[in-house]
Amino acid sequence: MRKEILTISEFASLRGITAETLRHYDRIGLLKPAFIDSSTGYRYYSILQYEQLSTILELRQMGMSLSEIRSFFEDRNPHSALDLLTERKLVLQAEIQKLRQLETAVSSKISHLEDILSRRASDPPRLVTLPERKALVWKTPLDSDVDIGYGFADLEEHLNEVAPIFAANRYGLLMPASVLKTGEKRSSLLLFTDEPAHLSGAEAVEVRRIPGGLYASALLYQPETGDLSEVKRLSRSYQSQGYSTEGEIIFISQIDLSVTGCRDQVLYEVQLPLVPCI
């Protein structure tokens, strides 16, 4: 005949937990031993407590905290069990939705990195037709890298997305094409987004529609600040082919410091808006 009373180690081994876990449950009043030997202080449990232990562990699997489980045990009945399960189902559905969003985000990042790693900065420029895109634009003038850091932090604050930045090609600069002629340093930070932005009280941030159309696309490693020589060369090349550069030039960070520790590997894509000369 099997024994009813078990040592703490024997009882813990029934569900593959540690004796310290049972001691913790005892300390917080969640699962008390059947009795404690007054002379040794050893805890002993009854096999009849197995169901309570299993219930605790299953509720933990459902994501409930120990304090929530203790509250349930204080008023345990079929109606409270139904309420508990209904509430946990709603919580789990929300978590599943969040995980699906995260999976979509991770898949997008994988596709992005696979695509950009198949290309080289030495690849020839290409003509691409891009759709209209929506972006958050930081309107504060950029005078230093410090401004850029604060600008990115401000833009990201208005996103309500899962893992929006790591290994993504959403940050960039927006620059009027006129700077190619005037040499004036004027640029704004932008962050592409498909989600509704929360801009209440955000005076420095606006939603901008980036026009779709024909663009010249080229990759370049992180240029020196204010150095537009490669962009000017690209513009002249397409002027000779019957295009003018009009609108706003876009610099998109394709490989940034979130995925590399080497600044020499930081890679940008310049998108030069083109209009056929009549």
Protein backbone atom coordinates (compact mmCIF):
# COMPACT_ATOMS: atom_id res chain seq x y z
CA MET A 1 0.00 0.00 0.00
CA ARG A 2 1.38 3.36 -0.97
CA LYS A 3 1.95 5.93 1.74
CA GLU A 4 -0.22 9.00 2.13
CA ILE A 5 2.39 11.32 3.66
CA LEU A 6 5.34 12.42 1.54
CA THR A 7 8.47 14.40 2.20
CA ILE A 8 8.73 17.77 0.51
CA SER A 9 11.17 16.35 -2.06
CA GLU A 10 8.91 13.40 -2.82
CA PHE A 11 5.87 15.63 -3.23
CA ALA A 12 7.75 18.09 -5.44
CA SER A 13 9.01 15.30 -7.70
CA LEU A 14 5.43 14.28 -8.54
CA ARG A 15 5.10 17.40 -10.71
CA GLY A 16 8.75 18.00 -11.54
CA ILE A 17 9.13 21.13 -9.43
CA THR A 18 11.68 22.00 -6.77
CA ALA A 19 11.30 21.74 -3.03
CA GLU A 20 12.04 25.47 -2.87
CA THR A 21 8.94 26.14 -4.98
CA LEU A 22 6.82 24.36 -2.37
CA ARG A 23 8.54 26.29 0.42
CA HIS A 24 7.66 29.52 -1.40
CA TYR A 25 4.03 28.44 -1.79
CA ASP A 26 4.00 27.76 1.95
CA ARG A 27 5.49 31.16 2.80
CA ILE A 28 2.86 33.06 0.80
CA GLY A 29 -0.01 30.93 2.10
CA LEU A 30 -0.84 29.33 -1.23
CA LEU A 31 -0.20 25.68 -0.36
CA LYS A 32 0.55 24.73 3.23
CA PRO A 33 2.13 21.38 4.20
CA ALA A 34 -0.11 18.75 5.76
CA PHE A 35 2.08 19.13 8.84
CA ILE A 36 5.52 20.30 9.93
CA ASP A 37 7.69 18.22 12.27
CA SER A 38 8.12 20.46 15.29
CA SER A 39 11.47 18.94 16.20
CA THR A 40 13.12 19.09 12.78
CA GLY A 41 11.09 21.75 10.94
CA TYR A 42 10.69 19.38 7.99
CA ARG A 43 7.59 19.86 5.85
CA TYR A 44 5.39 16.90 4.97
CA TYR A 45 2.61 16.79 2.38
CA SER A 46 -0.35 14.51 1.80
CA ILE A 47 -0.97 12.88 -1.56
CA LEU A 48 -4.49 14.27 -1.17
CA GLN A 49 -2.98 17.73 -1.78
CA TYR A 50 -1.84 16.70 -5.25
CA GLU A 51 -4.98 18.06 -6.92
CA GLN A 52 -4.44 21.49 -5.37
CA LEU A 53 -0.81 21.52 -6.49
CA SER A 54 -1.81 20.51 -10.03
CA THR A 55 -4.42 23.27 -10.13
CA ILE A 56 -1.83 25.84 -9.08
CA LEU A 57 0.60 24.72 -11.77
CA GLU A 58 -2.07 24.66 -14.48
CA LEU A 59 -3.22 28.16 -13.58
CA ARG A 60 0.42 29.26 -13.76
CA GLN A 61 0.57 27.76 -17.26
CA MET A 62 -2.39 29.98 -18.15
CA GLY A 63 -0.34 32.99 -17.12
CA MET A 64 -1.94 33.73 -13.77
CA SER A 65 0.13 35.30 -11.01
CA LEU A 66 0.47 33.62 -7.63
CA SER A 67 -1.57 36.37 -5.99
CA GLU A 68 -4.38 35.82 -8.53
CA ILE A 69 -4.31 32.09 -7.86
CA ARG A 70 -4.43 32.67 -4.12
CA SER A 71 -7.48 34.92 -4.54
CA PHE A 72 -9.17 32.22 -6.59
CA PHE A 73 -8.55 29.60 -3.89
CA GLU A 74 -10.01 31.89 -1.25
CA ASP A 75 -13.39 31.78 -3.03
CA ARG A 76 -13.22 28.71 -5.22
CA ASN A 77 -16.48 27.56 -6.79
CA PRO A 78 -17.74 26.61 -10.27
CA HIS A 79 -18.97 30.14 -11.01
CA SER A 80 -15.66 31.77 -10.08
CA ALA A 81 -13.87 29.09 -12.13
CA LEU A 82 -15.99 29.99 -15.16
CA ASP A 83 -15.30 33.69 -14.66
CA LEU A 84 -11.59 32.97 -14.31
CA LEU A 85 -11.43 30.92 -17.51
CA THR A 86 -13.45 33.48 -19.46
CA GLU A 87 -11.08 36.23 -18.36
CA ARG A 88 -8.00 34.15 -19.18
CA LYS A 89 -9.38 33.42 -22.65
CA LEU A 90 -9.62 37.14 -23.38
CA VAL A 91 -6.08 37.68 -22.12
CA LEU A 92 -4.76 34.80 -24.22
CA GLN A 93 -6.56 36.05 -27.33
CA ALA A 94 -4.88 39.44 -26.88
CA GLU A 95 -1.49 37.77 -26.40
CA ILE A 96 -2.01 35.61 -29.50
CA GLN A 97 -2.89 38.69 -31.53
CA LYS A 98 0.27 40.40 -30.30
CA LEU A 99 2.36 37.34 -31.18
CA ARG A 100 0.86 37.27 -34.66
CA GLN A 101 1.77 40.92 -35.11
CA LEU A 102 5.28 40.16 -33.89
CA GLU A 103 5.58 37.23 -36.29
CA THR A 104 4.52 39.48 -39.17
CA ALA A 105 7.06 42.10 -38.10
CA VAL A 106 9.86 39.52 -37.85
CA SER A 107 8.98 38.07 -41.27
CA SER A 108 9.11 41.56 -42.75
CA LYS A 109 12.53 42.18 -41.20
CA ILE A 110 13.84 38.87 -42.57
CA SER A 111 12.61 39.74 -46.07
CA HIS A 112 14.17 43.19 -45.83
CA LEU A 113 17.59 41.92 -44.74
CA GLU A 114 17.58 39.11 -47.32
CA ASP A 115 16.81 41.63 -50.05
CA ILE A 116 19.31 44.28 -49.01
CA LEU A 117 22.10 41.74 -48.44
CA SER A 118 21.61 40.52 -52.01
CA ARG A 119 22.44 44.02 -53.25
CA ARG A 120 25.67 46.01 -53.19
CA ALA A 121 26.47 49.70 -53.04
CA SER A 122 28.38 49.18 -56.29
CA ASP A 123 25.23 47.99 -58.08
CA PRO A 124 24.13 50.39 -60.83
CA PRO A 125 21.21 52.72 -60.06
CA ARG A 126 17.81 51.54 -61.13
CA LEU A 127 14.51 53.16 -62.02
CA VAL A 128 11.63 52.19 -59.76
CA THR A 129 7.98 53.19 -59.65
CA LEU A 130 6.91 53.65 -56.04
CA PRO A 131 3.41 54.03 -54.60
CA GLU A 132 2.35 56.91 -52.39
CA ARG A 133 3.67 56.36 -48.88
CA LYS A 134 2.76 57.77 -45.50
CA ALA A 135 5.43 58.99 -43.12
CA LEU A 136 5.84 60.84 -39.87
CA VAL A 137 8.09 63.85 -40.38
CA TRP A 138 10.01 65.66 -37.65
CA LYS A 139 9.79 69.33 -38.55
CA THR A 140 12.59 70.59 -36.31
CA PRO A 141 15.69 71.73 -38.28
CA LEU A 142 18.63 69.32 -38.09
CA ASP A 143 21.86 70.98 -37.01
CA SER A 144 23.75 68.04 -35.49
CA ASP A 145 23.72 64.33 -34.75
CA VAL A 146 22.24 65.24 -31.37
CA ASP A 147 19.18 66.67 -33.14
CA ILE A 148 18.88 63.47 -35.14
CA GLY A 149 18.96 61.36 -31.97
CA TYR A 150 16.22 63.39 -30.32
CA GLY A 151 14.23 63.44 -33.53
CA PHE A 152 14.23 59.66 -33.88
CA ALA A 153 13.16 59.32 -30.23
CA ASP A 154 10.32 61.79 -30.80
CA LEU A 155 9.11 60.04 -33.95
CA GLU A 156 9.20 56.58 -32.40
CA GLU A 157 7.15 57.82 -29.46
CA HIS A 158 4.18 58.25 -31.80
CA LEU A 159 4.19 54.65 -33.03
CA ASN A 160 1.86 52.02 -31.65
CA GLU A 161 3.48 48.97 -33.20
CA VAL A 162 5.33 45.81 -32.23
CA ALA A 163 9.14 45.94 -32.66
CA PRO A 164 8.99 48.73 -35.24
CA ILE A 165 12.64 49.76 -35.56
CA PHE A 166 15.15 46.90 -35.26
CA ALA A 167 16.36 45.62 -38.65
CA ALA A 168 13.85 47.81 -40.49
CA ASN A 169 14.16 50.26 -43.37
CA ARG A 170 11.73 52.89 -42.13
CA TYR A 171 13.92 55.75 -40.94
CA GLY A 172 15.39 58.30 -43.25
CA LEU A 173 15.86 61.89 -44.33
CA LEU A 174 13.71 64.05 -46.54
CA MET A 175 15.45 66.76 -48.52
CA PRO A 176 14.14 69.20 -51.15
CA ALA A 177 15.65 68.57 -54.57
CA SER A 178 16.51 72.27 -54.77
CA VAL A 179 19.49 71.68 -52.43
CA LEU A 180 21.31 70.07 -55.34
CA LYS A 181 21.48 73.51 -56.94
CA THR A 182 21.62 75.83 -53.95
CA GLY A 183 23.85 73.73 -51.69
CA GLU A 184 21.67 74.74 -48.75
CA LYS A 185 21.59 72.16 -45.96
CA ARG A 186 17.92 71.48 -45.37
CA SER A 187 16.58 68.12 -44.32
CA SER A 188 13.92 66.56 -42.13
CA LEU A 189 13.75 63.21 -40.40
CA LEU A 190 11.05 60.85 -41.56
CA LEU A 191 9.67 57.53 -40.39
CA PHE A 192 7.49 55.49 -42.73
CA THR A 193 4.35 54.09 -41.13
CA ASP A 194 1.17 52.31 -42.16
CA GLU A 195 -0.43 52.65 -38.75
CA PRO A 196 -2.53 55.57 -37.49
CA ALA A 197 -0.27 57.96 -35.61
CA HIS A 198 -1.09 59.53 -32.26
CA LEU A 199 -0.08 63.16 -32.71
CA SER A 200 -2.07 64.89 -29.98
CA GLY A 201 0.08 67.79 -28.80
CA ALA A 202 2.95 66.78 -31.10
CA GLU A 203 3.81 70.15 -32.59
CA ALA A 204 7.15 68.96 -33.98
CA VAL A 205 5.70 65.96 -35.85
CA GLU A 206 3.37 65.84 -38.83
CA VAL A 207 1.95 63.17 -41.11
CA ARG A 208 3.19 63.57 -44.67
CA ARG A 209 2.10 61.83 -47.86
CA ILE A 210 5.21 61.02 -49.89
CA PRO A 211 4.15 61.19 -53.55
CA GLY A 212 4.32 58.05 -55.62
CA GLY A 213 5.93 58.03 -59.03
CA LEU A 214 9.22 57.42 -60.80
CA TYR A 215 12.40 57.40 -58.71
CA ALA A 216 16.04 56.65 -59.32
CA SER A 217 17.23 54.28 -56.61
CA ALA A 218 20.86 53.83 -55.61
CA LEU A 219 22.69 52.47 -52.58
CA LEU A 220 25.50 54.30 -50.85
CA TYR A 221 27.42 53.84 -47.65
CA GLN A 222 26.94 56.43 -44.94
CA PRO A 223 27.95 59.70 -46.59
CA GLU A 224 29.87 62.43 -44.89
CA THR A 225 27.53 64.99 -43.33
CA GLY A 226 26.36 67.38 -46.00
CA ASP A 227 28.19 65.54 -48.81
CA LEU A 228 25.77 65.30 -51.72
CA SER A 229 28.35 64.63 -54.43
CA GLU A 230 27.05 61.11 -55.16
CA VAL A 231 23.47 62.35 -55.30
CA LYS A 232 24.43 65.19 -57.64
CA ARG A 233 26.25 62.72 -59.87
CA LEU A 234 23.15 60.53 -59.93
CA SER A 235 20.94 63.50 -60.81
CA ARG A 236 23.24 64.58 -63.66
CA SER A 237 23.26 61.04 -65.02
CA TYR A 238 19.48 60.99 -65.34
CA GLN A 239 19.36 64.55 -66.66
CA SER A 240 21.44 63.32 -69.57
CA GLN A 241 18.77 60.68 -70.14
CA GLY A 242 15.95 63.22 -70.31
CA TYR A 243 14.81 63.48 -66.69
CA SER A 244 14.73 66.33 -64.22
CA THR A 245 14.89 66.00 -60.44
CA GLU A 246 11.87 67.56 -58.79
CA GLY A 247 10.19 67.20 -55.43
CA GLU A 248 11.90 65.75 -52.37
CA ILE A 249 14.87 63.41 -52.23
CA ILE A 250 14.55 60.53 -49.79
CA PHE A 251 17.42 58.87 -47.95
CA ILE A 252 16.34 55.57 -46.37
CA SER A 253 18.49 53.77 -43.82
CA GLN A 254 18.68 50.20 -45.14
CA ILE A 255 21.38 48.88 -42.78
CA ASP A 256 21.77 50.86 -39.57
CA LEU A 257 23.49 50.55 -36.22
CA SER A 258 20.69 48.38 -34.85
CA VAL A 259 22.11 45.46 -36.87
CA THR A 260 25.80 46.34 -37.22
CA GLY A 261 28.45 47.61 -34.86
CA CYS A 262 30.55 48.94 -37.74
CA ARG A 263 29.73 52.37 -39.13
CA ASP A 264 31.43 51.43 -42.40
CA GLN A 265 28.58 48.96 -43.00
CA VAL A 266 25.79 51.51 -42.54
CA LEU A 267 23.98 51.58 -45.87
CA TYR A 268 21.50 54.08 -47.28
CA GLU A 269 19.24 54.05 -50.28
CA VAL A 270 18.74 57.35 -52.03
CA GLN A 271 15.46 57.72 -53.89
CA LEU A 272 15.65 60.57 -56.39
CA PRO A 273 12.27 61.77 -57.74
CA LEU A 274 12.35 62.02 -61.53
CA VAL A 275 10.11 63.78 -64.03
CA PRO A 276 10.54 63.25 -67.81
CA CYS A 277 11.58 66.44 -69.56
CA ILE A 278 9.06 67.50 -72.19
